[in-house]
Amino acid sequence: MSGRRWSLLDLVTLATLGIASGVLFAGWGILWSSLSPLFAAVLPLQYLLFAGTWVIAGPLAGLIIRRPGAALAGEMIAASVSFLLASQWSIDAIASGAAQGIGAEVAFALIAYRRPHIDIVVFAGALSGIGMAVHDIPLYFAGVDVTFALLLAGAMVASSALVGGVGAWLLRAALRRSGALDLIGA
């Protein structure tokens, strides 16, 4: 599969997944901003439940398209759309997307872009979470102590594995059932 060239259908699928994920990211960002004060008061490690939403584009694109660069490009397109729709993180949304997309890309590269099992997709989500932690903690949580930073990183990785990895797996299954992926055989 990885030796086959990108087709126009692959590119259109990637763009569609990236744009749809970017709209999801933008909507989730609005909800996140309005709920963050509640999260901070009630659940200081809110990332444990929700941060993985921002990494789903990479695992989903890598899972469906299975071409070198698909996971990274899917996350970058989504981050760019989110930025263009007035993300509260401004241009940093794109840097964050790169950090997260690289993680997912590594997971799919390890299996040479063959058809992955759920464990690889969950691993792609977890590696995206590592990218999130490496990017976000020094920038947005610079003043926290090491223990809390490690807890945040663990929460980001766990959430990304579950929401980004398992979520991508379930979303692909739903798209297959709908027939939306019949043309590309994903």
Protein backbone atom coordinates (compact mmCIF):
# COMPACT_ATOMS: atom_id res chain seq x y z
CA MET A 1 0.00 0.00 0.00
CA SER A 2 2.76 2.46 0.86
CA GLY A 3 4.43 2.04 -2.53
CA ARG A 4 1.34 3.21 -4.39
CA ARG A 5 1.31 6.84 -5.38
CA TRP A 6 -1.19 9.30 -3.98
CA SER A 7 -4.29 9.47 -6.12
CA LEU A 8 -6.60 12.41 -6.57
CA LEU A 9 -9.14 10.51 -4.47
CA ASP A 10 -6.57 10.17 -1.66
CA LEU A 11 -5.94 13.91 -1.76
CA VAL A 12 -9.64 14.79 -1.79
CA THR A 13 -10.26 12.37 1.09
CA LEU A 14 -7.38 13.89 3.05
CA ALA A 15 -8.67 17.42 2.46
CA THR A 16 -12.19 16.42 3.45
CA LEU A 17 -11.06 14.70 6.65
CA GLY A 18 -8.75 17.59 7.53
CA ILE A 19 -11.36 20.28 6.91
CA ALA A 20 -14.08 18.41 8.82
CA SER A 21 -11.68 17.84 11.71
CA GLY A 22 -10.68 21.51 11.65
CA VAL A 23 -14.31 22.55 11.98
CA LEU A 24 -14.61 20.07 14.88
CA PHE A 25 -11.49 21.60 16.47
CA ALA A 26 -12.87 25.13 16.10
CA GLY A 27 -16.20 24.18 17.65
CA TRP A 28 -14.49 22.24 20.40
CA GLY A 29 -12.24 25.26 21.07
CA ILE A 30 -15.26 27.50 21.62
CA LEU A 31 -16.81 24.97 23.99
CA TRP A 32 -13.44 24.45 25.73
CA SER A 33 -13.01 28.19 26.34
CA SER A 34 -16.42 28.54 27.89
CA LEU A 35 -16.04 25.42 30.09
CA SER A 36 -12.38 25.88 31.12
CA PRO A 37 -13.18 27.82 34.33
CA LEU A 38 -15.44 24.97 35.42
CA PHE A 39 -12.81 22.39 34.48
CA ALA A 40 -10.14 24.25 36.45
CA ALA A 41 -12.34 24.46 39.55
CA VAL A 42 -13.74 20.94 39.48
CA LEU A 43 -11.27 18.84 37.53
CA PRO A 44 -7.76 20.33 37.36
CA LEU A 45 -6.63 17.54 35.04
CA GLN A 46 -9.40 18.24 32.55
CA TYR A 47 -7.11 17.01 29.80
CA LEU A 48 -7.69 13.51 31.11
CA LEU A 49 -11.14 13.56 29.57
CA PHE A 50 -11.05 15.99 26.69
CA ALA A 51 -7.67 16.90 25.20
CA GLY A 52 -7.61 13.97 22.81
CA THR A 53 -10.29 15.65 20.72
CA TRP A 54 -7.55 17.81 19.17
CA VAL A 55 -5.53 14.85 17.90
CA ILE A 56 -8.18 12.80 16.10
CA ALA A 57 -7.37 14.16 12.63
CA GLY A 58 -3.93 12.54 12.44
CA PRO A 59 -4.91 9.02 13.51
CA LEU A 60 -8.06 9.20 11.35
CA ALA A 61 -6.22 10.33 8.22
CA GLY A 62 -3.46 7.76 8.73
CA LEU A 63 -6.00 5.00 9.34
CA ILE A 64 -8.09 5.78 6.27
CA ILE A 65 -5.51 6.90 3.71
CA ARG A 66 -2.45 4.80 4.72
CA ARG A 67 0.12 6.83 2.79
CA PRO A 68 3.34 8.44 4.00
CA GLY A 69 2.50 11.90 5.27
CA ALA A 70 -1.27 11.37 5.58
CA ALA A 71 -1.44 11.53 9.37
CA LEU A 72 0.75 14.62 9.60
CA ALA A 73 -1.05 16.34 6.71
CA GLY A 74 -4.48 15.52 8.15
CA GLU A 75 -3.57 17.07 11.48
CA MET A 76 -1.95 20.10 9.80
CA ILE A 77 -4.99 20.74 7.59
CA ALA A 78 -7.27 20.47 10.62
CA ALA A 79 -5.07 22.82 12.66
CA SER A 80 -4.94 25.30 9.78
CA VAL A 81 -8.72 25.29 9.38
CA SER A 82 -9.09 25.75 13.12
CA PHE A 83 -6.70 28.70 12.97
CA LEU A 84 -8.57 30.23 10.03
CA LEU A 85 -11.85 29.92 11.94
CA ALA A 86 -10.39 32.19 14.65
CA SER A 87 -8.84 29.73 17.08
CA GLN A 88 -8.16 31.27 20.46
CA TRP A 89 -4.63 29.86 20.15
CA SER A 90 -4.00 31.86 16.96
CA ILE A 91 -1.11 30.69 14.77
CA ASP A 92 0.09 28.39 17.56
CA ALA A 93 -2.74 26.04 16.57
CA ILE A 94 -0.66 25.14 13.52
CA ALA A 95 2.50 24.49 15.56
CA SER A 96 0.46 22.34 17.91
CA GLY A 97 -0.99 20.44 14.94
CA ALA A 98 2.51 19.73 13.68
CA ALA A 99 3.65 18.38 17.06
CA GLN A 100 0.59 16.15 17.29
CA GLY A 101 0.63 15.04 13.65
CA ILE A 102 4.27 13.94 13.81
CA GLY A 103 3.38 11.54 16.61
CA ALA A 104 0.60 9.91 14.62
CA GLU A 105 2.79 9.75 11.53
CA VAL A 106 5.51 7.86 13.41
CA ALA A 107 3.04 5.15 14.48
CA PHE A 108 1.88 4.51 10.91
CA ALA A 109 5.44 4.62 9.57
CA LEU A 110 6.41 1.86 12.01
CA ILE A 111 4.03 -0.51 10.22
CA ALA A 112 4.99 0.81 6.78
CA TYR A 113 1.47 2.22 6.29
CA ARG A 114 -0.12 -1.25 6.03
CA ARG A 115 -3.68 -1.73 7.29
CA PRO A 116 -3.38 -1.08 11.02
CA HIS A 117 -5.08 -2.88 13.86
CA ILE A 118 -6.68 -0.85 16.62
CA ASP A 119 -3.53 -1.09 18.76
CA ILE A 120 -1.56 0.92 16.18
CA VAL A 121 -4.29 3.55 15.94
CA VAL A 122 -4.37 3.86 19.74
CA PHE A 123 -0.57 4.10 19.67
CA ALA A 124 -0.86 6.84 17.03
CA GLY A 125 -3.21 8.71 19.35
CA ALA A 126 -0.84 8.25 22.30
CA LEU A 127 2.15 9.50 20.30
CA SER A 128 0.05 12.49 19.26
CA GLY A 129 -0.57 13.07 22.96
CA ILE A 130 3.17 13.05 23.57
CA GLY A 131 3.50 15.69 20.85
CA MET A 132 0.76 17.68 22.57
CA ALA A 133 2.54 17.45 25.92
CA VAL A 134 5.92 18.42 24.47
CA HIS A 135 4.35 21.44 22.80
CA ASP A 136 1.75 22.55 25.35
CA ILE A 137 3.34 22.06 28.76
CA PRO A 138 6.30 24.44 28.33
CA LEU A 139 4.11 27.00 26.58
CA TYR A 140 0.83 26.93 28.50
CA PHE A 141 1.86 25.40 31.83
CA ALA A 142 5.35 26.83 32.32
CA GLY A 143 4.83 27.60 36.00
CA VAL A 144 3.65 24.20 37.21
CA ASP A 145 5.82 21.90 39.26
CA VAL A 146 7.35 18.78 37.75
CA THR A 147 4.86 16.41 39.37
CA PHE A 148 1.86 18.29 38.00
CA ALA A 149 3.55 18.57 34.57
CA LEU A 150 4.02 14.80 34.52
CA LEU A 151 0.38 14.28 35.52
CA LEU A 152 -0.69 16.65 32.74
CA ALA A 153 1.49 14.80 30.23
CA GLY A 154 0.06 11.45 31.32
CA ALA A 155 -3.48 12.80 31.05
CA MET A 156 -2.78 14.22 27.57
CA VAL A 157 -1.36 10.90 26.37
CA ALA A 158 -4.19 8.83 27.86
CA SER A 159 -6.89 11.12 26.49
CA SER A 160 -5.24 11.21 23.08
CA ALA A 161 -4.99 7.42 22.99
CA LEU A 162 -8.66 7.06 23.89
CA VAL A 163 -10.33 9.98 22.13
CA GLY A 164 -7.84 10.36 19.28
CA GLY A 165 -7.01 6.68 18.75
CA VAL A 166 -10.15 4.76 19.71
CA GLY A 167 -12.27 7.67 18.49
CA ALA A 168 -10.60 7.53 15.07
CA TRP A 169 -11.15 3.76 14.93
CA LEU A 170 -14.85 4.13 15.77
CA LEU A 171 -15.31 7.03 13.37
CA ARG A 172 -13.73 5.07 10.53
CA ALA A 173 -16.06 2.15 11.33
CA ALA A 174 -19.06 4.48 11.17
CA LEU A 175 -17.87 5.96 7.87
CA ARG A 176 -17.42 2.44 6.46
CA ARG A 177 -20.94 1.43 7.52
CA SER A 178 -22.33 4.54 5.84
CA GLY A 179 -20.59 3.65 2.59
CA ALA A 180 -18.58 6.89 2.60
CA LEU A 181 -15.30 4.99 2.28
CA ASP A 182 -16.34 2.48 -0.39
CA LEU A 183 -14.46 4.23 -3.21
CA ILE A 184 -11.14 4.23 -1.39
CA GLY A 185 -11.46 0.78 0.17
CA ALA A 186 -10.60 1.92 3.68
